[in-house]
């Protein structure tokens, strides 16, 4: 499934070395983050080999269900932790 678009203008992402398959893929879902205050965003983060960070790949939607429908099949939802940023709704592994 193609991604909606890259990060909005002015947003940054941490580059990670290697191939995407070398990393654990983590999709973090945000509600009205400052760079997309109109709805929900699921951003792909990569973790592995001592490196981690967000990528410039994301799904955007007006509702939580719209964003969830765009995530890859077979993921498991992790509910937000009290220590998470207020905009974080959930994380999918």
C-alpha atoms as a PDB file:
ATOM      1  CA  UNK A   1       0.000   0.000   0.000  1.00  0.00           C
ATOM      2  CA  UNK A   2       1.579   3.341  -0.959  1.00  0.00           C
ATOM      3  CA  UNK A   3       2.174   5.964   1.687  1.00  0.00           C
ATOM      4  CA  UNK A   4       0.190   9.171   1.600  1.00  0.00           C
ATOM      5  CA  UNK A   5       3.079  11.613   1.483  1.00  0.00           C
ATOM      6  CA  UNK A   6       6.308  12.565   3.128  1.00  0.00           C
ATOM      7  CA  UNK A   7       6.553  14.677   6.265  1.00  0.00           C
ATOM      8  CA  UNK A   8       5.034  18.147   6.058  1.00  0.00           C
ATOM      9  CA  UNK A   9       7.349  21.055   5.198  1.00  0.00           C
ATOM     10  CA  UNK A  10       9.649  21.934   8.069  1.00  0.00           C
ATOM     11  CA  UNK A  11       9.412  18.535   9.776  1.00  0.00           C
ATOM     12  CA  UNK A  12      12.567  16.481  10.127  1.00  0.00           C
ATOM     13  CA  UNK A  13      13.415  12.782  10.232  1.00  0.00           C
ATOM     14  CA  UNK A  14      16.525  10.987  11.434  1.00  0.00           C
ATOM     15  CA  UNK A  15      18.298   9.118   8.629  1.00  0.00           C
ATOM     16  CA  UNK A  16      19.227   5.533   9.444  1.00  0.00           C
ATOM     17  CA  UNK A  17      21.935   3.525   7.665  1.00  0.00           C
ATOM     18  CA  UNK A  18      21.393   0.215   5.919  1.00  0.00           C
ATOM     19  CA  UNK A  19      18.260  -1.273   4.415  1.00  0.00           C
ATOM     20  CA  UNK A  20      14.801  -0.888   5.980  1.00  0.00           C
ATOM     21  CA  UNK A  21      14.578  -4.692   6.351  1.00  0.00           C
ATOM     22  CA  UNK A  22      17.507  -4.529   8.808  1.00  0.00           C
ATOM     23  CA  UNK A  23      15.288  -2.758  11.348  1.00  0.00           C
ATOM     24  CA  UNK A  24      12.234  -3.331  13.510  1.00  0.00           C
ATOM     25  CA  UNK A  25       9.373  -1.335  11.985  1.00  0.00           C
ATOM     26  CA  UNK A  26       7.344   0.621  14.538  1.00  0.00           C
ATOM     27  CA  UNK A  27       4.308   2.651  13.509  1.00  0.00           C
ATOM     28  CA  UNK A  28       3.454   5.357  16.044  1.00  0.00           C
ATOM     29  CA  UNK A  29       0.005   6.927  15.725  1.00  0.00           C
ATOM     30  CA  UNK A  30      -0.405  10.573  16.731  1.00  0.00           C
ATOM     31  CA  UNK A  31      -3.553  12.652  17.235  1.00  0.00           C
ATOM     32  CA  UNK A  32      -3.233  16.211  15.928  1.00  0.00           C
ATOM     33  CA  UNK A  33       0.544  16.611  16.169  1.00  0.00           C
ATOM     34  CA  UNK A  34       1.859  20.140  15.738  1.00  0.00           C
ATOM     35  CA  UNK A  35       2.950  19.478  12.143  1.00  0.00           C
ATOM     36  CA  UNK A  36      -0.439  17.951  11.185  1.00  0.00           C
ATOM     37  CA  UNK A  37      -3.131  19.469  13.439  1.00  0.00           C
ATOM     38  CA  UNK A  38      -6.062  18.359  11.244  1.00  0.00           C
ATOM     39  CA  UNK A  39      -6.231  14.675  12.106  1.00  0.00           C
ATOM     40  CA  UNK A  40      -4.182  11.563  12.746  1.00  0.00           C
ATOM     41  CA  UNK A  41      -0.735  10.494  11.547  1.00  0.00           C
ATOM     42  CA  UNK A  42       0.950   7.070  11.656  1.00  0.00           C
ATOM     43  CA  UNK A  43       4.720   7.554  11.342  1.00  0.00           C
ATOM     44  CA  UNK A  44       7.183   4.781  10.632  1.00  0.00           C
ATOM     45  CA  UNK A  45      10.130   4.549  13.024  1.00  0.00           C
ATOM     46  CA  UNK A  46      13.021   2.123  12.503  1.00  0.00           C
ATOM     47  CA  UNK A  47      14.970   0.530  15.373  1.00  0.00           C
ATOM     48  CA  UNK A  48      18.024  -1.701  15.147  1.00  0.00           C
ATOM     49  CA  UNK A  49      21.818  -2.034  15.273  1.00  0.00           C
ATOM     50  CA  UNK A  50      22.167   0.665  17.918  1.00  0.00           C
ATOM     51  CA  UNK A  51      20.317   3.177  15.729  1.00  0.00           C
ATOM     52  CA  UNK A  52      16.740   4.359  15.893  1.00  0.00           C
ATOM     53  CA  UNK A  53      14.596   7.149  14.618  1.00  0.00           C
ATOM     54  CA  UNK A  54      11.636   8.313  12.626  1.00  0.00           C
ATOM     55  CA  UNK A  55      11.585   8.034   8.861  1.00  0.00           C
ATOM     56  CA  UNK A  56       9.932  10.377   6.390  1.00  0.00           C
ATOM     57  CA  UNK A  57       7.209   7.779   5.736  1.00  0.00           C
ATOM     58  CA  UNK A  58       3.727   8.370   7.153  1.00  0.00           C
ATOM     59  CA  UNK A  59       0.006   7.763   6.680  1.00  0.00           C
ATOM     60  CA  UNK A  60      -2.420  10.655   7.218  1.00  0.00           C
ATOM     61  CA  UNK A  61      -6.152  10.592   7.888  1.00  0.00           C
ATOM     62  CA  UNK A  62      -9.054  12.539   9.333  1.00  0.00           C
ATOM     63  CA  UNK A  63      -9.931   9.732  11.767  1.00  0.00           C
ATOM     64  CA  UNK A  64      -8.092   7.120  13.777  1.00  0.00           C
ATOM     65  CA  UNK A  65      -9.829   4.322  11.874  1.00  0.00           C
ATOM     66  CA  UNK A  66      -8.781   5.852   8.546  1.00  0.00           C
ATOM     67  CA  UNK A  67      -5.118   5.766   9.588  1.00  0.00           C
ATOM     68  CA  UNK A  68      -5.368   2.274  11.096  1.00  0.00           C
ATOM     69  CA  UNK A  69      -6.808   0.973   7.801  1.00  0.00           C
ATOM     70  CA  UNK A  70      -3.635   2.081   5.990  1.00  0.00           C
ATOM     71  CA  UNK A  71      -1.206   0.199   8.258  1.00  0.00           C
ATOM     72  CA  UNK A  72       0.320  -3.079   7.065  1.00  0.00           C
ATOM     73  CA  UNK A  73      -1.571  -6.270   7.968  1.00  0.00           C
ATOM     74  CA  UNK A  74      -0.331  -8.474  10.803  1.00  0.00           C
ATOM     75  CA  UNK A  75       0.765  -5.763  13.242  1.00  0.00           C
ATOM     76  CA  UNK A  76       0.071  -5.850  16.980  1.00  0.00           C
ATOM     77  CA  UNK A  77      -1.210  -2.749  18.787  1.00  0.00           C
ATOM     78  CA  UNK A  78       0.539  -1.482  21.916  1.00  0.00           C
ATOM     79  CA  UNK A  79      -1.526   0.992  23.936  1.00  0.00           C
ATOM     80  CA  UNK A  80       0.059   4.302  24.865  1.00  0.00           C
ATOM     81  CA  UNK A  81       2.106   4.543  28.027  1.00  0.00           C
ATOM     82  CA  UNK A  82       1.501   7.303  30.587  1.00  0.00           C
ATOM     83  CA  UNK A  83       5.030   8.548  29.894  1.00  0.00           C
ATOM     84  CA  UNK A  84       4.368   8.965  26.140  1.00  0.00           C
ATOM     85  CA  UNK A  85       3.918  12.387  24.594  1.00  0.00           C
ATOM     86  CA  UNK A  86       0.306  13.571  24.876  1.00  0.00           C
ATOM     87  CA  UNK A  87      -0.243  13.331  21.088  1.00  0.00           C
ATOM     88  CA  UNK A  88       0.651   9.612  20.930  1.00  0.00           C
ATOM     89  CA  UNK A  89      -2.450   7.423  20.657  1.00  0.00           C
ATOM     90  CA  UNK A  90      -0.884   3.975  20.160  1.00  0.00           C
ATOM     91  CA  UNK A  91       2.029   2.109  18.615  1.00  0.00           C
ATOM     92  CA  UNK A  92       1.936  -0.834  16.200  1.00  0.00           C
ATOM     93  CA  UNK A  93       4.680  -3.483  15.915  1.00  0.00           C
END
